């Protein structure tokens, strides 16, 4: 018996060049200081209202003072992503 096919969501992710053209001059490529723009950041840019809200939430959760260290926050994010089979 054949397995039913799984439909995946499809969203057009802006290219790195497209996303760079949308950034203000001198703006960093990513919250993490990477030279490249990560796929997740480009995915967030696909929606003009949800993307900025998610970006602000990411900055608050990962970079502002809290009960967990930065390393613990990154570990939680990595484990959650792996558990959900997220390739971002």
PDB file of N, CA and C in Angstrom:
ATOM      1  N   UNK A   1       0.842  -1.174   0.000  1.00  0.00           N
ATOM      2  CA  UNK A   1       0.000   0.000   0.000  1.00  0.00           C
ATOM      3  C   UNK A   1       0.889   1.239   0.000  1.00  0.00           C
ATOM      4  N   UNK A   2       0.561   2.180  -0.840  1.00  0.00           N
ATOM      5  CA  UNK A   2       1.358   3.409  -0.928  1.00  0.00           C
ATOM      6  C   UNK A   2       1.046   4.347   0.224  1.00  0.00           C
ATOM      7  N   UNK A   3       2.092   5.016   0.716  1.00  0.00           N
ATOM      8  CA  UNK A   3       1.915   6.023   1.764  1.00  0.00           C
ATOM      9  C   UNK A   3       1.234   7.236   1.155  1.00  0.00           C
ATOM     10  N   UNK A   4       0.316   7.871   1.896  1.00  0.00           N
ATOM     11  CA  UNK A   4      -0.280   9.093   1.355  1.00  0.00           C
ATOM     12  C   UNK A   4       0.792  10.174   1.242  1.00  0.00           C
ATOM     13  N   UNK A   5       0.682  10.969   0.193  1.00  0.00           N
ATOM     14  CA  UNK A   5       1.682  12.031   0.034  1.00  0.00           C
ATOM     15  C   UNK A   5       1.428  13.125   1.068  1.00  0.00           C
ATOM     16  N   UNK A   6       2.497  13.707   1.533  1.00  0.00           N
ATOM     17  CA  UNK A   6       2.418  14.772   2.528  1.00  0.00           C
ATOM     18  C   UNK A   6       2.569  16.093   1.804  1.00  0.00           C
ATOM     19  N   UNK A   7       1.617  16.970   2.001  1.00  0.00           N
ATOM     20  CA  UNK A   7       1.698  18.294   1.383  1.00  0.00           C
ATOM     21  C   UNK A   7       2.458  19.216   2.321  1.00  0.00           C
ATOM     22  N   UNK A   8       3.404  19.915   1.781  1.00  0.00           N
ATOM     23  CA  UNK A   8       4.167  20.870   2.566  1.00  0.00           C
ATOM     24  C   UNK A   8       3.741  22.280   2.186  1.00  0.00           C
ATOM     25  N   UNK A   9       3.820  23.157   3.172  1.00  0.00           N
ATOM     26  CA  UNK A   9       3.505  24.558   2.904  1.00  0.00           C
ATOM     27  C   UNK A   9       4.541  25.117   1.939  1.00  0.00           C
ATOM     28  N   UNK A  10       4.132  26.029   1.132  1.00  0.00           N
ATOM     29  CA  UNK A  10       5.045  26.645   0.196  1.00  0.00           C
ATOM     30  C   UNK A  10       4.923  28.158   0.305  1.00  0.00           C
ATOM     31  N   UNK A  11       6.024  28.771   0.588  1.00  0.00           N
ATOM     32  CA  UNK A  11       6.099  30.223   0.643  1.00  0.00           C
ATOM     33  C   UNK A  11       7.324  30.611  -0.150  1.00  0.00           C
ATOM     34  N   UNK A  12       7.200  31.582  -1.030  1.00  0.00           N
ATOM     35  CA  UNK A  12       8.359  32.036  -1.784  1.00  0.00           C
ATOM     36  C   UNK A  12       9.257  32.831  -0.842  1.00  0.00           C
ATOM     37  N   UNK A  13      10.477  32.348  -0.644  1.00  0.00           N
ATOM     38  CA  UNK A  13      11.442  33.006   0.223  1.00  0.00           C
ATOM     39  C   UNK A  13      12.252  33.979  -0.628  1.00  0.00           C
ATOM     40  N   UNK A  14      12.307  35.259  -0.230  1.00  0.00           N
ATOM     41  CA  UNK A  14      13.107  36.214  -1.003  1.00  0.00           C
ATOM     42  C   UNK A  14      14.570  35.785  -1.066  1.00  0.00           C
ATOM     43  N   UNK A  15      15.204  36.053  -2.185  1.00  0.00           N
ATOM     44  CA  UNK A  15      16.634  35.746  -2.306  1.00  0.00           C
ATOM     45  C   UNK A  15      17.416  36.673  -1.381  1.00  0.00           C
ATOM     46  N   UNK A  16      18.665  36.340  -1.160  1.00  0.00           N
ATOM     47  CA  UNK A  16      19.501  37.190  -0.315  1.00  0.00           C
ATOM     48  C   UNK A  16      19.637  38.584  -0.931  1.00  0.00           C
ATOM     49  N   UNK A  17      19.760  38.660  -2.248  1.00  0.00           N
ATOM     50  CA  UNK A  17      19.877  39.956  -2.919  1.00  0.00           C
ATOM     51  C   UNK A  17      18.598  40.780  -2.743  1.00  0.00           C
ATOM     52  N   UNK A  18      17.434  40.132  -2.888  1.00  0.00           N
ATOM     53  CA  UNK A  18      16.160  40.838  -2.691  1.00  0.00           C
ATOM     54  C   UNK A  18      16.052  41.375  -1.268  1.00  0.00           C
ATOM     55  N   UNK A  19      16.408  40.535  -0.301  1.00  0.00           N
ATOM     56  CA  UNK A  19      16.300  40.958   1.106  1.00  0.00           C
ATOM     57  C   UNK A  19      17.271  42.088   1.418  1.00  0.00           C
ATOM     58  N   UNK A  20      18.497  42.010   0.892  1.00  0.00           N
ATOM     59  CA  UNK A  20      19.468  43.085   1.120  1.00  0.00           C
ATOM     60  C   UNK A  20      18.958  44.413   0.559  1.00  0.00           C
ATOM     61  N   UNK A  21      18.274  44.360  -0.575  1.00  0.00           N
ATOM     62  CA  UNK A  21      17.770  45.602  -1.177  1.00  0.00           C
ATOM     63  C   UNK A  21      16.667  46.242  -0.334  1.00  0.00           C
ATOM     64  N   UNK A  22      16.055  45.464   0.553  1.00  0.00           N
ATOM     65  CA  UNK A  22      14.987  45.975   1.418  1.00  0.00           C
ATOM     66  C   UNK A  22      15.521  46.566   2.725  1.00  0.00           C
ATOM     67  N   UNK A  23      16.777  46.270   3.057  1.00  0.00           N
ATOM     68  CA  UNK A  23      17.348  46.734   4.322  1.00  0.00           C
ATOM     69  C   UNK A  23      17.824  48.179   4.205  1.00  0.00           C
ATOM     70  N   UNK A  24      17.692  48.949   5.287  1.00  0.00           N
ATOM     71  CA  UNK A  24      18.240  50.310   5.258  1.00  0.00           C
ATOM     72  C   UNK A  24      19.761  50.272   5.115  1.00  0.00           C
ATOM     73  N   UNK A  25      20.355  51.293   4.526  1.00  0.00           N
ATOM     74  CA  UNK A  25      21.818  51.314   4.389  1.00  0.00           C
ATOM     75  C   UNK A  25      22.499  51.149   5.745  1.00  0.00           C
ATOM     76  N   UNK A  26      23.491  50.280   5.793  1.00  0.00           N
ATOM     77  CA  UNK A  26      24.249  50.054   7.017  1.00  0.00           C
ATOM     78  C   UNK A  26      23.607  49.101   8.006  1.00  0.00           C
ATOM     79  N   UNK A  27      22.400  48.610   7.705  1.00  0.00           N
ATOM     80  CA  UNK A  27      21.720  47.677   8.616  1.00  0.00           C
ATOM     81  C   UNK A  27      22.447  46.339   8.611  1.00  0.00           C
ATOM     82  N   UNK A  28      22.539  45.676   9.774  1.00  0.00           N
ATOM     83  CA  UNK A  28      23.205  44.368   9.804  1.00  0.00           C
ATOM     84  C   UNK A  28      22.398  43.329   9.028  1.00  0.00           C
ATOM     85  N   UNK A  29      23.091  42.353   8.475  1.00  0.00           N
ATOM     86  CA  UNK A  29      22.432  41.303   7.697  1.00  0.00           C
ATOM     87  C   UNK A  29      21.582  40.399   8.575  1.00  0.00           C
ATOM     88  N   UNK A  30      21.988  40.216   9.846  1.00  0.00           N
ATOM     89  CA  UNK A  30      21.226  39.351  10.738  1.00  0.00           C
ATOM     90  C   UNK A  30      21.421  39.785  12.180  1.00  0.00           C
ATOM     91  N   UNK A  31      20.501  39.351  13.035  1.00  0.00           N
ATOM     92  CA  UNK A  31      20.584  39.655  14.466  1.00  0.00           C
ATOM     93  C   UNK A  31      21.829  39.019  15.086  1.00  0.00           C
ATOM     94  N   UNK A  32      22.343  37.983  14.455  1.00  0.00           N
ATOM     95  CA  UNK A  32      23.496  37.270  14.978  1.00  0.00           C
ATOM     96  C   UNK A  32      24.821  37.810  14.445  1.00  0.00           C
ATOM     97  N   UNK A  33      24.769  38.794  13.583  1.00  0.00           N
ATOM     98  CA  UNK A  33      25.988  39.375  13.052  1.00  0.00           C
ATOM     99  C   UNK A  33      26.624  38.589  11.917  1.00  0.00           C
ATOM    100  N   UNK A  34      25.871  37.678  11.297  1.00  0.00           N
ATOM    101  CA  UNK A  34      26.391  36.915  10.165  1.00  0.00           C
ATOM    102  C   UNK A  34      26.579  37.846   8.967  1.00  0.00           C
ATOM    103  N   UNK A  35      27.505  37.501   8.094  1.00  0.00           N
ATOM    104  CA  UNK A  35      27.692  38.244   6.842  1.00  0.00           C
ATOM    105  C   UNK A  35      26.564  37.926   5.850  1.00  0.00           C
ATOM    106  N   UNK A  36      25.985  36.737   5.984  1.00  0.00           N
ATOM    107  CA  UNK A  36      24.902  36.318   5.090  1.00  0.00           C
ATOM    108  C   UNK A  36      23.561  36.526   5.802  1.00  0.00           C
ATOM    109  N   UNK A  37      22.487  36.492   5.037  1.00  0.00           N
ATOM    110  CA  UNK A  37      21.149  36.606   5.617  1.00  0.00           C
ATOM    111  C   UNK A  37      20.581  35.196   5.713  1.00  0.00           C
ATOM    112  N   UNK A  38      20.366  34.695   6.936  1.00  0.00           N
ATOM    113  CA  UNK A  38      19.870  33.322   7.100  1.00  0.00           C
ATOM    114  C   UNK A  38      18.502  33.121   6.434  1.00  0.00           C
ATOM    115  N   UNK A  39      18.239  31.887   6.039  1.00  0.00           N
ATOM    116  CA  UNK A  39      16.974  31.556   5.377  1.00  0.00           C
ATOM    117  C   UNK A  39      15.770  31.927   6.239  1.00  0.00           C
ATOM    118  N   UNK A  40      15.869  31.738   7.553  1.00  0.00           N
ATOM    119  CA  UNK A  40      14.736  32.075   8.425  1.00  0.00           C
ATOM    120  C   UNK A  40      14.452  33.571   8.389  1.00  0.00           C
ATOM    121  N   UNK A  41      15.486  34.391   8.350  1.00  0.00           N
ATOM    122  CA  UNK A  41      15.295  35.844   8.264  1.00  0.00           C
ATOM    123  C   UNK A  41      14.669  36.213   6.926  1.00  0.00           C
ATOM    124  N   UNK A  42      15.076  35.523   5.865  1.00  0.00           N
ATOM    125  CA  UNK A  42      14.475  35.792   4.550  1.00  0.00           C
ATOM    126  C   UNK A  42      13.025  35.325   4.515  1.00  0.00           C
ATOM    127  N   UNK A  43      12.729  34.204   5.199  1.00  0.00           N
ATOM    128  CA  UNK A  43      11.356  33.720   5.278  1.00  0.00           C
ATOM    129  C   UNK A  43      10.472  34.731   6.015  1.00  0.00           C
ATOM    130  N   UNK A  44      10.982  35.289   7.110  1.00  0.00           N
ATOM    131  CA  UNK A  44      10.218  36.292   7.851  1.00  0.00           C
ATOM    132  C   UNK A  44       9.921  37.508   6.979  1.00  0.00           C
ATOM    133  N   UNK A  45      10.827  37.844   6.079  1.00  0.00           N
ATOM    134  CA  UNK A  45      10.632  38.993   5.202  1.00  0.00           C
ATOM    135  C   UNK A  45       9.521  38.766   4.175  1.00  0.00           C
ATOM    136  N   UNK A  46       9.082  37.520   4.034  1.00  0.00           N
ATOM    137  CA  UNK A  46       8.034  37.213   3.068  1.00  0.00           C
ATOM    138  C   UNK A  46       6.684  37.800   3.480  1.00  0.00           C
ATOM    139  N   UNK A  47       6.513  38.158   4.736  1.00  0.00           N
ATOM    140  CA  UNK A  47       5.251  38.739   5.201  1.00  0.00           C
ATOM    141  C   UNK A  47       5.543  40.049   5.912  1.00  0.00           C
ATOM    142  N   UNK A  48       5.023  41.134   5.370  1.00  0.00           N
ATOM    143  CA  UNK A  48       5.395  42.460   5.862  1.00  0.00           C
ATOM    144  C   UNK A  48       4.872  42.817   7.248  1.00  0.00           C
ATOM    145  N   UNK A  49       3.903  42.104   7.775  1.00  0.00           N
ATOM    146  CA  UNK A  49       3.409  42.394   9.122  1.00  0.00           C
ATOM    147  C   UNK A  49       3.897  41.372  10.146  1.00  0.00           C
ATOM    148  N   UNK A  50       3.849  40.111   9.792  1.00  0.00           N
ATOM    149  CA  UNK A  50       4.258  39.053  10.721  1.00  0.00           C
ATOM    150  C   UNK A  50       5.779  39.025  10.876  1.00  0.00           C
ATOM    151  N   UNK A  51       6.522  39.212   9.791  1.00  0.00           N
ATOM    152  CA  UNK A  51       7.977  39.148   9.829  1.00  0.00           C
ATOM    153  C   UNK A  51       8.613  40.088  10.840  1.00  0.00           C
ATOM    154  N   UNK A  52       8.290  41.386  10.802  1.00  0.00           N
ATOM    155  CA  UNK A  52       8.893  42.294  11.788  1.00  0.00           C
ATOM    156  C   UNK A  52       8.522  41.937  13.231  1.00  0.00           C
ATOM    157  N   UNK A  53       7.295  41.469  13.446  1.00  0.00           N
ATOM    158  CA  UNK A  53       6.885  41.082  14.806  1.00  0.00           C
ATOM    159  C   UNK A  53       7.685  39.868  15.280  1.00  0.00           C
ATOM    160  N   UNK A  54       7.887  38.889  14.405  1.00  0.00           N
ATOM    161  CA  UNK A  54       8.686  37.718  14.770  1.00  0.00           C
ATOM    162  C   UNK A  54      10.144  38.102  15.011  1.00  0.00           C
ATOM    163  N   UNK A  55      10.670  39.009  14.194  1.00  0.00           N
ATOM    164  CA  UNK A  55      12.041  39.465  14.387  1.00  0.00           C
ATOM    165  C   UNK A  55      12.225  40.162  15.728  1.00  0.00           C
ATOM    166  N   UNK A  56      11.257  41.007  16.088  1.00  0.00           N
ATOM    167  CA  UNK A  56      11.328  41.697  17.381  1.00  0.00           C
ATOM    168  C   UNK A  56      11.228  40.697  18.530  1.00  0.00           C
ATOM    169  N   UNK A  57      10.375  39.687  18.373  1.00  0.00           N
ATOM    170  CA  UNK A  57      10.240  38.656  19.405  1.00  0.00           C
ATOM    171  C   UNK A  57      11.538  37.862  19.543  1.00  0.00           C
ATOM    172  N   UNK A  58      12.152  37.508  18.419  1.00  0.00           N
ATOM    173  CA  UNK A  58      13.433  36.793  18.454  1.00  0.00           C
ATOM    174  C   UNK A  58      14.479  37.595  19.226  1.00  0.00           C
ATOM    175  N   UNK A  59      14.586  38.881  18.916  1.00  0.00           N
ATOM    176  CA  UNK A  59      15.575  39.720  19.603  1.00  0.00           C
ATOM    177  C   UNK A  59      15.301  39.773  21.099  1.00  0.00           C
ATOM    178  N   UNK A  60      14.038  39.877  21.467  1.00  0.00           N
ATOM    179  CA  UNK A  60      13.690  39.936  22.890  1.00  0.00           C
ATOM    180  C   UNK A  60      14.021  38.614  23.583  1.00  0.00           C
ATOM    181  N   UNK A  61      13.620  37.519  22.986  1.00  0.00           N
ATOM    182  CA  UNK A  61      13.832  36.205  23.613  1.00  0.00           C
ATOM    183  C   UNK A  61      15.311  35.841  23.689  1.00  0.00           C
ATOM    184  N   UNK A  62      16.047  36.077  22.614  1.00  0.00           N
ATOM    185  CA  UNK A  62      17.422  35.592  22.550  1.00  0.00           C
ATOM    186  C   UNK A  62      18.466  36.554  23.107  1.00  0.00           C
ATOM    187  N   UNK A  63      18.197  37.857  23.082  1.00  0.00           N
ATOM    188  CA  UNK A  63      19.255  38.807  23.398  1.00  0.00           C
ATOM    189  C   UNK A  63      19.009  39.671  24.633  1.00  0.00           C
ATOM    190  N   UNK A  64      17.771  39.809  25.089  1.00  0.00           N
ATOM    191  CA  UNK A  64      17.523  40.645  26.257  1.00  0.00           C
ATOM    192  C   UNK A  64      17.735  39.847  27.544  1.00  0.00           C
ATOM    193  N   UNK A  65      18.020  40.538  28.657  1.00  0.00           N
ATOM    194  CA  UNK A  65      18.255  39.830  29.922  1.00  0.00           C
ATOM    195  C   UNK A  65      17.077  38.932  30.307  1.00  0.00           C
ATOM    196  N   UNK A  66      17.378  37.808  30.935  1.00  0.00           N
ATOM    197  CA  UNK A  66      16.357  36.861  31.364  1.00  0.00           C
ATOM    198  C   UNK A  66      16.942  35.832  32.310  1.00  0.00           C
ATOM    199  N   UNK A  67      16.141  34.839  32.645  1.00  0.00           N
ATOM    200  CA  UNK A  67      16.565  33.806  33.594  1.00  0.00           C
ATOM    201  C   UNK A  67      17.525  32.785  33.001  1.00  0.00           C
ATOM    202  N   UNK A  68      17.510  32.618  31.691  1.00  0.00           N
ATOM    203  CA  UNK A  68      18.406  31.669  31.029  1.00  0.00           C
ATOM    204  C   UNK A  68      19.585  32.401  30.418  1.00  0.00           C
ATOM    205  N   UNK A  69      20.738  31.735  30.408  1.00  0.00           N
ATOM    206  CA  UNK A  69      21.905  32.312  29.738  1.00  0.00           C
ATOM    207  C   UNK A  69      21.679  32.247  28.228  1.00  0.00           C
ATOM    208  N   UNK A  70      22.489  32.978  27.500  1.00  0.00           N
ATOM    209  CA  UNK A  70      22.394  32.962  26.041  1.00  0.00           C
ATOM    210  C   UNK A  70      22.634  31.546  25.515  1.00  0.00           C
ATOM    211  N   UNK A  71      23.595  30.844  26.103  1.00  0.00           N
ATOM    212  CA  UNK A  71      23.893  29.473  25.671  1.00  0.00           C
ATOM    213  C   UNK A  71      22.699  28.555  25.922  1.00  0.00           C
ATOM    214  N   UNK A  72      22.033  28.719  27.060  1.00  0.00           N
ATOM    215  CA  UNK A  72      20.855  27.889  27.359  1.00  0.00           C
ATOM    216  C   UNK A  72      19.725  28.186  26.380  1.00  0.00           C
ATOM    217  N   UNK A  73      19.544  29.441  26.041  1.00  0.00           N
ATOM    218  CA  UNK A  73      18.495  29.802  25.071  1.00  0.00           C
ATOM    219  C   UNK A  73      18.769  29.179  23.712  1.00  0.00           C
ATOM    220  N   UNK A  74      20.040  29.231  23.278  1.00  0.00           N
ATOM    221  CA  UNK A  74      20.405  28.633  21.992  1.00  0.00           C
ATOM    222  C   UNK A  74      20.197  27.123  22.020  1.00  0.00           C
ATOM    223  N   UNK A  75      20.512  26.492  23.154  1.00  0.00           N
ATOM    224  CA  UNK A  75      20.320  25.049  23.281  1.00  0.00           C
ATOM    225  C   UNK A  75      18.834  24.703  23.184  1.00  0.00           C
ATOM    226  N   UNK A  76      17.980  25.447  23.881  1.00  0.00           N
ATOM    227  CA  UNK A  76      16.536  25.205  23.819  1.00  0.00           C
ATOM    228  C   UNK A  76      16.045  25.366  22.375  1.00  0.00           C
ATOM    229  N   UNK A  77      16.501  26.404  21.695  1.00  0.00           N
ATOM    230  CA  UNK A  77      16.087  26.635  20.308  1.00  0.00           C
ATOM    231  C   UNK A  77      16.535  25.492  19.401  1.00  0.00           C
ATOM    232  N   UNK A  78      17.766  25.026  19.588  1.00  0.00           N
ATOM    233  CA  UNK A  78      18.284  23.935  18.757  1.00  0.00           C
ATOM    234  C   UNK A  78      17.521  22.637  18.998  1.00  0.00           C
ATOM    235  N   UNK A  79      17.250  22.319  20.255  1.00  0.00           N
ATOM    236  CA  UNK A  79      16.522  21.087  20.577  1.00  0.00           C
ATOM    237  C   UNK A  79      15.092  21.156  20.044  1.00  0.00           C
ATOM    238  N   UNK A  80      14.436  22.302  20.219  1.00  0.00           N
ATOM    239  CA  UNK A  80      13.064  22.451  19.719  1.00  0.00           C
ATOM    240  C   UNK A  80      13.021  22.327  18.198  1.00  0.00           C
ATOM    241  N   UNK A  81      13.989  22.934  17.512  1.00  0.00           N
ATOM    242  CA  UNK A  81      14.040  22.840  16.060  1.00  0.00           C
ATOM    243  C   UNK A  81      14.266  21.400  15.609  1.00  0.00           C
ATOM    244  N   UNK A  82      15.183  20.710  16.262  1.00  0.00           N
ATOM    245  CA  UNK A  82      15.466  19.319  15.905  1.00  0.00           C
ATOM    246  C   UNK A  82      14.249  18.433  16.149  1.00  0.00           C
ATOM    247  N   UNK A  83      13.566  18.646  17.277  1.00  0.00           N
ATOM    248  CA  UNK A  83      12.396  17.831  17.606  1.00  0.00           C
ATOM    249  C   UNK A  83      11.273  18.014  16.592  1.00  0.00           C
ATOM    250  N   UNK A  84      11.229  19.188  15.980  1.00  0.00           N
ATOM    251  CA  UNK A  84      10.181  19.484  15.006  1.00  0.00           C
ATOM    252  C   UNK A  84      10.654  19.265  13.564  1.00  0.00           C
ATOM    253  N   UNK A  85      11.874  18.740  13.433  1.00  0.00           N
ATOM    254  CA  UNK A  85      12.473  18.490  12.112  1.00  0.00           C
ATOM    255  C   UNK A  85      12.506  19.748  11.273  1.00  0.00           C
ATOM    256  N   UNK A  86      12.818  20.866  11.930  1.00  0.00           N
ATOM    257  CA  UNK A  86      12.887  22.161  11.249  1.00  0.00           C
ATOM    258  C   UNK A  86      14.268  22.330  10.636  1.00  0.00           C
ATOM    259  N   UNK A  87      14.331  22.635   9.346  1.00  0.00           N
ATOM    260  CA  UNK A  87      15.635  22.795   8.720  1.00  0.00           C
ATOM    261  C   UNK A  87      16.103  24.246   8.713  1.00  0.00           C
ATOM    262  N   UNK A  88      15.502  25.090   9.548  1.00  0.00           N
ATOM    263  CA  UNK A  88      16.009  26.454   9.724  1.00  0.00           C
ATOM    264  C   UNK A  88      16.706  26.517  11.037  1.00  0.00           C
TER     265      UNK A  88
END
